[in-house]
């Protein structure tokens, strides 16, 4: 499974980081981004910046997507 964030929809409240800090982060612009193996996928951002979700945190990423007030977290099956 892969995940990405539409930064145009992100409200920057950080709930995704509360659910799964291994996959989500907020940058200086106050917007959430995904990361993979500690590398932030913010260039160019959006759907082009997919991050692979490690098996142990799959449920946390799904919960983050479900709880996101901006509905900006998108999950892509493998």
PDB file of N, CA and C in Angstrom:
ATOM      1  N   UNK A   1       0.847  -1.174   0.000  1.00  0.00           N
ATOM      2  CA  UNK A   1       0.000   0.000   0.000  1.00  0.00           C
ATOM      3  C   UNK A   1       0.892   1.236   0.000  1.00  0.00           C
ATOM      4  N   UNK A   2       0.419   2.260  -0.696  1.00  0.00           N
ATOM      5  CA  UNK A   2       1.101   3.551  -0.735  1.00  0.00           C
ATOM      6  C   UNK A   2       0.123   4.635  -0.285  1.00  0.00           C
ATOM      7  N   UNK A   3       0.671   5.761   0.147  1.00  0.00           N
ATOM      8  CA  UNK A   3      -0.158   6.866   0.616  1.00  0.00           C
ATOM      9  C   UNK A   3       0.423   8.172   0.098  1.00  0.00           C
ATOM     10  N   UNK A   4      -0.461   9.138  -0.137  1.00  0.00           N
ATOM     11  CA  UNK A   4      -0.028  10.480  -0.505  1.00  0.00           C
ATOM     12  C   UNK A   4      -1.014  11.490   0.049  1.00  0.00           C
ATOM     13  N   UNK A   5      -0.584  12.741   0.100  1.00  0.00           N
ATOM     14  CA  UNK A   5      -1.409  13.822   0.628  1.00  0.00           C
ATOM     15  C   UNK A   5      -1.578  14.887  -0.438  1.00  0.00           C
ATOM     16  N   UNK A   6      -2.820  15.337  -0.596  1.00  0.00           N
ATOM     17  CA  UNK A   6      -3.097  16.492  -1.461  1.00  0.00           C
ATOM     18  C   UNK A   6      -2.910  17.734  -0.589  1.00  0.00           C
ATOM     19  N   UNK A   7      -1.779  18.401  -0.747  1.00  0.00           N
ATOM     20  CA  UNK A   7      -1.464  19.541   0.092  1.00  0.00           C
ATOM     21  C   UNK A   7      -2.440  20.703  -0.088  1.00  0.00           C
ATOM     22  N   UNK A   8      -3.136  20.775  -1.206  1.00  0.00           N
ATOM     23  CA  UNK A   8      -4.135  21.833  -1.403  1.00  0.00           C
ATOM     24  C   UNK A   8      -5.331  21.657  -0.470  1.00  0.00           C
ATOM     25  N   UNK A   9      -5.574  20.432  -0.024  1.00  0.00           N
ATOM     26  CA  UNK A   9      -6.708  20.152   0.868  1.00  0.00           C
ATOM     27  C   UNK A   9      -6.319  20.099   2.337  1.00  0.00           C
ATOM     28  N   UNK A  10      -5.024  20.025   2.614  1.00  0.00           N
ATOM     29  CA  UNK A  10      -4.548  19.838   3.988  1.00  0.00           C
ATOM     30  C   UNK A  10      -4.876  21.046   4.861  1.00  0.00           C
ATOM     31  N   UNK A  11      -5.422  20.776   6.043  1.00  0.00           N
ATOM     32  CA  UNK A  11      -5.750  21.841   6.998  1.00  0.00           C
ATOM     33  C   UNK A  11      -4.611  22.103   7.979  1.00  0.00           C
ATOM     34  N   UNK A  12      -3.596  21.233   7.966  1.00  0.00           N
ATOM     35  CA  UNK A  12      -2.416  21.434   8.799  1.00  0.00           C
ATOM     36  C   UNK A  12      -2.619  21.221  10.285  1.00  0.00           C
ATOM     37  N   UNK A  13      -3.648  20.472  10.672  1.00  0.00           N
ATOM     38  CA  UNK A  13      -3.902  20.284  12.101  1.00  0.00           C
ATOM     39  C   UNK A  13      -3.045  19.190  12.725  1.00  0.00           C
ATOM     40  N   UNK A  14      -2.410  18.350  11.930  1.00  0.00           N
ATOM     41  CA  UNK A  14      -1.469  17.366  12.440  1.00  0.00           C
ATOM     42  C   UNK A  14      -2.062  16.089  12.993  1.00  0.00           C
ATOM     43  N   UNK A  15      -3.354  15.845  12.799  1.00  0.00           N
ATOM     44  CA  UNK A  15      -3.939  14.596  13.294  1.00  0.00           C
ATOM     45  C   UNK A  15      -3.259  13.379  12.683  1.00  0.00           C
ATOM     46  N   UNK A  16      -2.830  13.496  11.441  1.00  0.00           N
ATOM     47  CA  UNK A  16      -2.158  12.368  10.796  1.00  0.00           C
ATOM     48  C   UNK A  16      -0.873  12.013  11.536  1.00  0.00           C
ATOM     49  N   UNK A  17      -0.144  13.028  11.984  1.00  0.00           N
ATOM     50  CA  UNK A  17       1.078  12.778  12.746  1.00  0.00           C
ATOM     51  C   UNK A  17       0.775  12.110  14.078  1.00  0.00           C
ATOM     52  N   UNK A  18      -0.354  12.466  14.691  1.00  0.00           N
ATOM     53  CA  UNK A  18      -0.758  11.822  15.941  1.00  0.00           C
ATOM     54  C   UNK A  18      -0.987  10.327  15.722  1.00  0.00           C
ATOM     55  N   UNK A  19      -1.564   9.985  14.572  1.00  0.00           N
ATOM     56  CA  UNK A  19      -1.850   8.585  14.256  1.00  0.00           C
ATOM     57  C   UNK A  19      -0.594   7.820  13.861  1.00  0.00           C
ATOM     58  N   UNK A  20       0.268   8.443  13.058  1.00  0.00           N
ATOM     59  CA  UNK A  20       1.403   7.692  12.522  1.00  0.00           C
ATOM     60  C   UNK A  20       2.576   8.616  12.183  1.00  0.00           C
ATOM     61  N   UNK A  21       3.378   8.986  13.171  1.00  0.00           N
ATOM     62  CA  UNK A  21       4.514   9.877  12.913  1.00  0.00           C
ATOM     63  C   UNK A  21       5.603   9.236  12.051  1.00  0.00           C
ATOM     64  N   UNK A  22       5.565   7.915  11.876  1.00  0.00           N
ATOM     65  CA  UNK A  22       6.536   7.261  11.000  1.00  0.00           C
ATOM     66  C   UNK A  22       6.274   7.552   9.524  1.00  0.00           C
ATOM     67  N   UNK A  23       5.030   7.916   9.197  1.00  0.00           N
ATOM     68  CA  UNK A  23       4.651   8.123   7.796  1.00  0.00           C
ATOM     69  C   UNK A  23       4.289   9.573   7.496  1.00  0.00           C
ATOM     70  N   UNK A  24       3.815  10.327   8.474  1.00  0.00           N
ATOM     71  CA  UNK A  24       3.361  11.692   8.240  1.00  0.00           C
ATOM     72  C   UNK A  24       4.211  12.701   8.996  1.00  0.00           C
ATOM     73  N   UNK A  25       4.373  13.884   8.401  1.00  0.00           N
ATOM     74  CA  UNK A  25       5.104  14.964   9.050  1.00  0.00           C
ATOM     75  C   UNK A  25       4.540  16.302   8.600  1.00  0.00           C
ATOM     76  N   UNK A  26       4.706  17.318   9.442  1.00  0.00           N
ATOM     77  CA  UNK A  26       4.363  18.684   9.073  1.00  0.00           C
ATOM     78  C   UNK A  26       5.665  19.428   8.796  1.00  0.00           C
ATOM     79  N   UNK A  27       5.694  20.179   7.718  1.00  0.00           N
ATOM     80  CA  UNK A  27       6.878  20.979   7.395  1.00  0.00           C
ATOM     81  C   UNK A  27       6.661  22.424   7.813  1.00  0.00           C
ATOM     82  N   UNK A  28       7.670  23.253   7.569  1.00  0.00           N
ATOM     83  CA  UNK A  28       7.632  24.652   7.984  1.00  0.00           C
ATOM     84  C   UNK A  28       6.449  25.411   7.395  1.00  0.00           C
ATOM     85  N   UNK A  29       5.935  24.932   6.255  1.00  0.00           N
ATOM     86  CA  UNK A  29       4.792  25.604   5.634  1.00  0.00           C
ATOM     87  C   UNK A  29       3.475  25.289   6.347  1.00  0.00           C
ATOM     88  N   UNK A  30       3.526  24.435   7.396  1.00  0.00           N
ATOM     89  CA  UNK A  30       2.330  24.101   8.152  1.00  0.00           C
ATOM     90  C   UNK A  30       1.442  23.066   7.491  1.00  0.00           C
ATOM     91  N   UNK A  31       1.954  22.416   6.451  1.00  0.00           N
ATOM     92  CA  UNK A  31       1.194  21.440   5.683  1.00  0.00           C
ATOM     93  C   UNK A  31       1.797  20.056   5.904  1.00  0.00           C
ATOM     94  N   UNK A  32       0.937  19.030   5.895  1.00  0.00           N
ATOM     95  CA  UNK A  32       1.383  17.654   6.093  1.00  0.00           C
ATOM     96  C   UNK A  32       1.919  17.057   4.796  1.00  0.00           C
ATOM     97  N   UNK A  33       2.928  16.205   4.975  1.00  0.00           N
ATOM     98  CA  UNK A  33       3.532  15.457   3.877  1.00  0.00           C
ATOM     99  C   UNK A  33       3.754  14.031   4.353  1.00  0.00           C
ATOM    100  N   UNK A  34       3.912  13.126   3.393  1.00  0.00           N
ATOM    101  CA  UNK A  34       4.249  11.752   3.742  1.00  0.00           C
ATOM    102  C   UNK A  34       5.754  11.596   3.698  1.00  0.00           C
ATOM    103  N   UNK A  35       6.225  10.569   4.424  1.00  0.00           N
ATOM    104  CA  UNK A  35       7.647  10.256   4.366  1.00  0.00           C
ATOM    105  C   UNK A  35       7.819   8.752   4.305  1.00  0.00           C
ATOM    106  N   UNK A  36       8.909   8.360   3.693  1.00  0.00           N
ATOM    107  CA  UNK A  36       9.242   6.950   3.564  1.00  0.00           C
ATOM    108  C   UNK A  36      10.690   6.771   4.000  1.00  0.00           C
ATOM    109  N   UNK A  37      10.898   5.897   4.955  1.00  0.00           N
ATOM    110  CA  UNK A  37      12.238   5.667   5.512  1.00  0.00           C
ATOM    111  C   UNK A  37      12.882   6.974   5.961  1.00  0.00           C
ATOM    112  N   UNK A  38      12.077   7.865   6.525  1.00  0.00           N
ATOM    113  CA  UNK A  38      12.574   9.137   7.037  1.00  0.00           C
ATOM    114  C   UNK A  38      12.735  10.222   6.004  1.00  0.00           C
ATOM    115  N   UNK A  39      12.570   9.915   4.719  1.00  0.00           N
ATOM    116  CA  UNK A  39      12.721  10.891   3.641  1.00  0.00           C
ATOM    117  C   UNK A  39      11.361  11.487   3.294  1.00  0.00           C
ATOM    118  N   UNK A  40      11.233  12.804   3.440  1.00  0.00           N
ATOM    119  CA  UNK A  40       9.967  13.486   3.164  1.00  0.00           C
ATOM    120  C   UNK A  40       9.734  13.544   1.658  1.00  0.00           C
ATOM    121  N   UNK A  41       8.539  13.147   1.255  1.00  0.00           N
ATOM    122  CA  UNK A  41       8.164  13.141  -0.162  1.00  0.00           C
ATOM    123  C   UNK A  41       7.436  14.449  -0.474  1.00  0.00           C
ATOM    124  N   UNK A  42       8.201  15.526  -0.613  1.00  0.00           N
ATOM    125  CA  UNK A  42       7.566  16.832  -0.835  1.00  0.00           C
ATOM    126  C   UNK A  42       8.025  17.505  -2.112  1.00  0.00           C
ATOM    127  N   UNK A  43       8.606  16.773  -3.018  1.00  0.00           N
ATOM    128  CA  UNK A  43       9.050  17.359  -4.278  1.00  0.00           C
ATOM    129  C   UNK A  43       8.615  16.458  -5.404  1.00  0.00           C
ATOM    130  N   UNK A  44       7.594  16.760  -6.145  1.00  0.00           N
ATOM    131  CA  UNK A  44       6.841  18.004  -6.190  1.00  0.00           C
ATOM    132  C   UNK A  44       5.632  18.045  -5.275  1.00  0.00           C
ATOM    133  N   UNK A  45       5.370  17.004  -4.506  1.00  0.00           N
ATOM    134  CA  UNK A  45       4.169  16.965  -3.673  1.00  0.00           C
ATOM    135  C   UNK A  45       3.012  16.350  -4.427  1.00  0.00           C
ATOM    136  N   UNK A  46       1.920  16.129  -3.739  1.00  0.00           N
ATOM    137  CA  UNK A  46       0.737  15.563  -4.380  1.00  0.00           C
ATOM    138  C   UNK A  46       0.905  14.088  -4.713  1.00  0.00           C
ATOM    139  N   UNK A  47       0.144  13.624  -5.687  1.00  0.00           N
ATOM    140  CA  UNK A  47       0.101  12.206  -6.026  1.00  0.00           C
ATOM    141  C   UNK A  47       1.434  11.683  -6.539  1.00  0.00           C
ATOM    142  N   UNK A  48       2.301  12.558  -7.029  1.00  0.00           N
ATOM    143  CA  UNK A  48       3.610  12.128  -7.503  1.00  0.00           C
ATOM    144  C   UNK A  48       4.510  11.733  -6.342  1.00  0.00           C
ATOM    145  N   UNK A  49       4.161  12.125  -5.147  1.00  0.00           N
ATOM    146  CA  UNK A  49       4.968  11.851  -3.956  1.00  0.00           C
ATOM    147  C   UNK A  49       4.334  10.755  -3.107  1.00  0.00           C
ATOM    148  N   UNK A  50       4.334   9.554  -3.648  1.00  0.00           N
ATOM    149  CA  UNK A  50       3.811   8.397  -2.923  1.00  0.00           C
ATOM    150  C   UNK A  50       4.837   7.896  -1.922  1.00  0.00           C
ATOM    151  N   UNK A  51       4.368   7.402  -0.802  1.00  0.00           N
ATOM    152  CA  UNK A  51       5.237   6.755   0.172  1.00  0.00           C
ATOM    153  C   UNK A  51       4.714   5.345   0.426  1.00  0.00           C
ATOM    154  N   UNK A  52       5.613   4.398   0.432  1.00  0.00           N
ATOM    155  CA  UNK A  52       5.249   3.026   0.756  1.00  0.00           C
ATOM    156  C   UNK A  52       4.953   2.960   2.246  1.00  0.00           C
ATOM    157  N   UNK A  53       3.873   2.266   2.588  1.00  0.00           N
ATOM    158  CA  UNK A  53       3.464   2.146   3.995  1.00  0.00           C
ATOM    159  C   UNK A  53       3.977   0.824   4.548  1.00  0.00           C
ATOM    160  N   UNK A  54       4.812   0.859   5.589  1.00  0.00           N
ATOM    161  CA  UNK A  54       5.280  -0.392   6.199  1.00  0.00           C
ATOM    162  C   UNK A  54       4.122  -1.181   6.810  1.00  0.00           C
ATOM    163  N   UNK A  55       4.181  -2.473   6.692  1.00  0.00           N
ATOM    164  CA  UNK A  55       3.125  -3.369   7.185  1.00  0.00           C
ATOM    165  C   UNK A  55       2.709  -3.089   8.629  1.00  0.00           C
ATOM    166  N   UNK A  56       3.648  -2.859   9.560  1.00  0.00           N
ATOM    167  CA  UNK A  56       3.235  -2.681  10.962  1.00  0.00           C
ATOM    168  C   UNK A  56       2.371  -1.442  11.227  1.00  0.00           C
ATOM    169  N   UNK A  57       2.370  -0.466  10.312  1.00  0.00           N
ATOM    170  CA  UNK A  57       1.612   0.764  10.568  1.00  0.00           C
ATOM    171  C   UNK A  57       0.434   0.953   9.613  1.00  0.00           C
ATOM    172  N   UNK A  58       0.075  -0.078   8.874  1.00  0.00           N
ATOM    173  CA  UNK A  58      -1.033   0.032   7.920  1.00  0.00           C
ATOM    174  C   UNK A  58      -2.310   0.544   8.577  1.00  0.00           C
ATOM    175  N   UNK A  59      -2.685  -0.040   9.700  1.00  0.00           N
ATOM    176  CA  UNK A  59      -3.928   0.351  10.376  1.00  0.00           C
ATOM    177  C   UNK A  59      -3.872   1.803  10.839  1.00  0.00           C
ATOM    178  N   UNK A  60      -2.708   2.272  11.252  1.00  0.00           N
ATOM    179  CA  UNK A  60      -2.561   3.652  11.705  1.00  0.00           C
ATOM    180  C   UNK A  60      -2.735   4.634  10.543  1.00  0.00           C
ATOM    181  N   UNK A  61      -2.223   4.277   9.378  1.00  0.00           N
ATOM    182  CA  UNK A  61      -2.361   5.135   8.199  1.00  0.00           C
ATOM    183  C   UNK A  61      -3.817   5.190   7.760  1.00  0.00           C
ATOM    184  N   UNK A  62      -4.502   4.063   7.781  1.00  0.00           N
ATOM    185  CA  UNK A  62      -5.930   4.040   7.428  1.00  0.00           C
ATOM    186  C   UNK A  62      -6.728   4.883   8.422  1.00  0.00           C
ATOM    187  N   UNK A  63      -6.418   4.782   9.696  1.00  0.00           N
ATOM    188  CA  UNK A  63      -7.108   5.593  10.715  1.00  0.00           C
ATOM    189  C   UNK A  63      -6.850   7.074  10.489  1.00  0.00           C
ATOM    190  N   UNK A  64      -5.626   7.426  10.115  1.00  0.00           N
ATOM    191  CA  UNK A  64      -5.307   8.827   9.836  1.00  0.00           C
ATOM    192  C   UNK A  64      -6.134   9.345   8.662  1.00  0.00           C
ATOM    193  N   UNK A  65      -6.253   8.535   7.625  1.00  0.00           N
ATOM    194  CA  UNK A  65      -7.058   8.938   6.461  1.00  0.00           C
ATOM    195  C   UNK A  65      -8.527   9.096   6.850  1.00  0.00           C
ATOM    196  N   UNK A  66      -9.029   8.188   7.655  1.00  0.00           N
ATOM    197  CA  UNK A  66     -10.427   8.249   8.087  1.00  0.00           C
ATOM    198  C   UNK A  66     -10.712   9.486   8.941  1.00  0.00           C
ATOM    199  N   UNK A  67      -9.760   9.878   9.785  1.00  0.00           N
ATOM    200  CA  UNK A  67      -9.965  10.986  10.726  1.00  0.00           C
ATOM    201  C   UNK A  67      -9.573  12.354  10.171  1.00  0.00           C
ATOM    202  N   UNK A  68      -8.942  12.396   9.017  1.00  0.00           N
ATOM    203  CA  UNK A  68      -8.437  13.650   8.467  1.00  0.00           C
ATOM    204  C   UNK A  68      -9.580  14.627   8.157  1.00  0.00           C
ATOM    205  N   UNK A  69      -9.594  15.803   8.810  1.00  0.00           N
ATOM    206  CA  UNK A  69     -10.677  16.756   8.561  1.00  0.00           C
ATOM    207  C   UNK A  69     -10.635  17.358   7.154  1.00  0.00           C
ATOM    208  N   UNK A  70      -9.479  17.395   6.555  1.00  0.00           N
ATOM    209  CA  UNK A  70      -9.369  17.933   5.190  1.00  0.00           C
ATOM    210  C   UNK A  70      -9.603  16.899   4.109  1.00  0.00           C
ATOM    211  N   UNK A  71      -9.758  15.619   4.521  1.00  0.00           N
ATOM    212  CA  UNK A  71      -9.934  14.506   3.594  1.00  0.00           C
ATOM    213  C   UNK A  71      -8.873  14.547   2.493  1.00  0.00           C
ATOM    214  N   UNK A  72      -7.629  14.781   2.909  1.00  0.00           N
ATOM    215  CA  UNK A  72      -6.546  14.960   1.934  1.00  0.00           C
ATOM    216  C   UNK A  72      -5.595  13.785   1.851  1.00  0.00           C
ATOM    217  N   UNK A  73      -5.807  12.733   2.638  1.00  0.00           N
ATOM    218  CA  UNK A  73      -4.921  11.573   2.642  1.00  0.00           C
ATOM    219  C   UNK A  73      -5.525  10.510   1.721  1.00  0.00           C
ATOM    220  N   UNK A  74      -4.735  10.102   0.741  1.00  0.00           N
ATOM    221  CA  UNK A  74      -5.202   9.140  -0.254  1.00  0.00           C
ATOM    222  C   UNK A  74      -4.355   7.884  -0.195  1.00  0.00           C
ATOM    223  N   UNK A  75      -5.028   6.751  -0.119  1.00  0.00           N
ATOM    224  CA  UNK A  75      -4.369   5.450  -0.044  1.00  0.00           C
ATOM    225  C   UNK A  75      -4.508   4.743  -1.384  1.00  0.00           C
ATOM    226  N   UNK A  76      -3.369   4.247  -1.870  1.00  0.00           N
ATOM    227  CA  UNK A  76      -3.324   3.536  -3.148  1.00  0.00           C
ATOM    228  C   UNK A  76      -2.911   2.087  -2.882  1.00  0.00           C
ATOM    229  N   UNK A  77      -3.692   1.121  -3.364  1.00  0.00           N
ATOM    230  CA  UNK A  77      -3.287  -0.278  -3.194  1.00  0.00           C
ATOM    231  C   UNK A  77      -2.062  -0.572  -4.063  1.00  0.00           C
ATOM    232  N   UNK A  78      -1.338  -1.609  -3.686  1.00  0.00           N
ATOM    233  CA  UNK A  78      -0.170  -2.022  -4.501  1.00  0.00           C
ATOM    234  C   UNK A  78      -0.616  -2.632  -5.798  1.00  0.00           C
TER     235      UNK A  78
END
